Amino acid sequence: MATTKQRAAARRNVEHAQAAAKDQQTLKHLDRSTRSDLGKDELKRAVADAR
C-alpha cells in the first residue's frame, strides 16, 4: 500500500507528465496500447480518489 506522500508524489508526476505531453502533443505519436494503458491508469486513480 502506498503512503500518502507517495500518492501525492505520483499525482504530481502524472500531472507534470500530462502537461508536458499536452505541450508536446506526445499522445499523437504513441501506439494504441500505450494510450489505452495511460487511460486505464488515470481511471484507476480517479476511482481511488473518489473513495
C-alpha atoms as a PDB file:
ATOM      1  CA  MET A   1       0.000   0.000   0.000  1.00  0.00           C
ATOM      2  CA  ALA A   2       1.352   3.410  -0.949  1.00  0.00           C
ATOM      3  CA  THR A   3       1.725   6.077   1.695  1.00  0.00           C
ATOM      4  CA  THR A   4       0.004   9.446   1.458  1.00  0.00           C
ATOM      5  CA  LYS A   5       3.288  11.072   0.457  1.00  0.00           C
ATOM      6  CA  GLN A   6       3.845   8.500  -2.290  1.00  0.00           C
ATOM      7  CA  ARG A   7       0.320   9.004  -3.664  1.00  0.00           C
ATOM      8  CA  ALA A   8       0.797  12.788  -3.655  1.00  0.00           C
ATOM      9  CA  ALA A   9       4.150  12.433  -5.441  1.00  0.00           C
ATOM     10  CA  ALA A  10       2.643  10.091  -8.016  1.00  0.00           C
ATOM     11  CA  ARG A  11      -0.199  12.526  -8.631  1.00  0.00           C
ATOM     12  CA  ARG A  12       2.282  15.378  -9.137  1.00  0.00           C
ATOM     13  CA  ASN A  13       4.317  13.231 -11.515  1.00  0.00           C
ATOM     14  CA  VAL A  14       1.238  12.349 -13.551  1.00  0.00           C
ATOM     15  CA  GLU A  15       0.092  15.959 -13.720  1.00  0.00           C
ATOM     16  CA  HIS A  16       3.564  17.069 -14.784  1.00  0.00           C
ATOM     17  CA  ALA A  17       3.757  14.360 -17.443  1.00  0.00           C
ATOM     18  CA  GLN A  18       0.273  15.231 -18.719  1.00  0.00           C
ATOM     19  CA  ALA A  19       1.184  18.910 -19.009  1.00  0.00           C
ATOM     20  CA  ALA A  20       4.380  18.060 -20.889  1.00  0.00           C
ATOM     21  CA  ALA A  21       2.514  15.672 -23.185  1.00  0.00           C
ATOM     22  CA  LYS A  22      -0.083  18.336 -23.887  1.00  0.00           C
ATOM     23  CA  ASP A  23       2.614  20.837 -24.839  1.00  0.00           C
ATOM     24  CA  GLN A  24       4.491  18.326 -26.975  1.00  0.00           C
ATOM     25  CA  GLN A  25       1.356  16.534 -28.249  1.00  0.00           C
ATOM     26  CA  THR A  26       3.057  13.270 -27.346  1.00  0.00           C
ATOM     27  CA  LEU A  27      -0.148  11.227 -27.390  1.00  0.00           C
ATOM     28  CA  LYS A  28      -0.400  11.593 -31.164  1.00  0.00           C
ATOM     29  CA  HIS A  29       2.847   9.664 -31.527  1.00  0.00           C
ATOM     30  CA  LEU A  30       2.140   6.818 -29.098  1.00  0.00           C
ATOM     31  CA  ASP A  31       0.754   3.476 -30.183  1.00  0.00           C
ATOM     32  CA  ARG A  32      -2.795   2.442 -29.330  1.00  0.00           C
ATOM     33  CA  SER A  33      -1.895   0.066 -26.478  1.00  0.00           C
ATOM     34  CA  THR A  34       0.204   2.695 -24.691  1.00  0.00           C
ATOM     35  CA  ARG A  35      -2.574   5.288 -24.953  1.00  0.00           C
ATOM     36  CA  SER A  36      -5.033   2.722 -23.640  1.00  0.00           C
ATOM     37  CA  ASP A  37      -2.786   1.865 -20.673  1.00  0.00           C
ATOM     38  CA  LEU A  38      -2.398   5.552 -19.807  1.00  0.00           C
ATOM     39  CA  GLY A  39      -6.177   5.958 -19.825  1.00  0.00           C
ATOM     40  CA  LYS A  40      -6.651   2.912 -17.612  1.00  0.00           C
ATOM     41  CA  ASP A  41      -4.087   4.231 -15.116  1.00  0.00           C
ATOM     42  CA  GLU A  42      -5.878   7.570 -14.981  1.00  0.00           C
ATOM     43  CA  LEU A  43      -9.221   5.825 -14.464  1.00  0.00           C
ATOM     44  CA  LYS A  44      -7.783   3.777 -11.570  1.00  0.00           C
ATOM     45  CA  ARG A  45      -6.521   6.979  -9.922  1.00  0.00           C
ATOM     46  CA  ALA A  46      -9.877   8.700 -10.366  1.00  0.00           C
ATOM     47  CA  VAL A  47     -11.724   5.754  -8.813  1.00  0.00           C
ATOM     48  CA  ALA A  48      -9.279   5.638  -5.896  1.00  0.00           C
ATOM     49  CA  ASP A  49      -9.686   9.390  -5.311  1.00  0.00           C
ATOM     50  CA  ALA A  50     -13.475   9.052  -5.334  1.00  0.00           C
ATOM     51  CA  ARG A  51     -13.390   6.656  -2.375  1.00  0.00           C
END
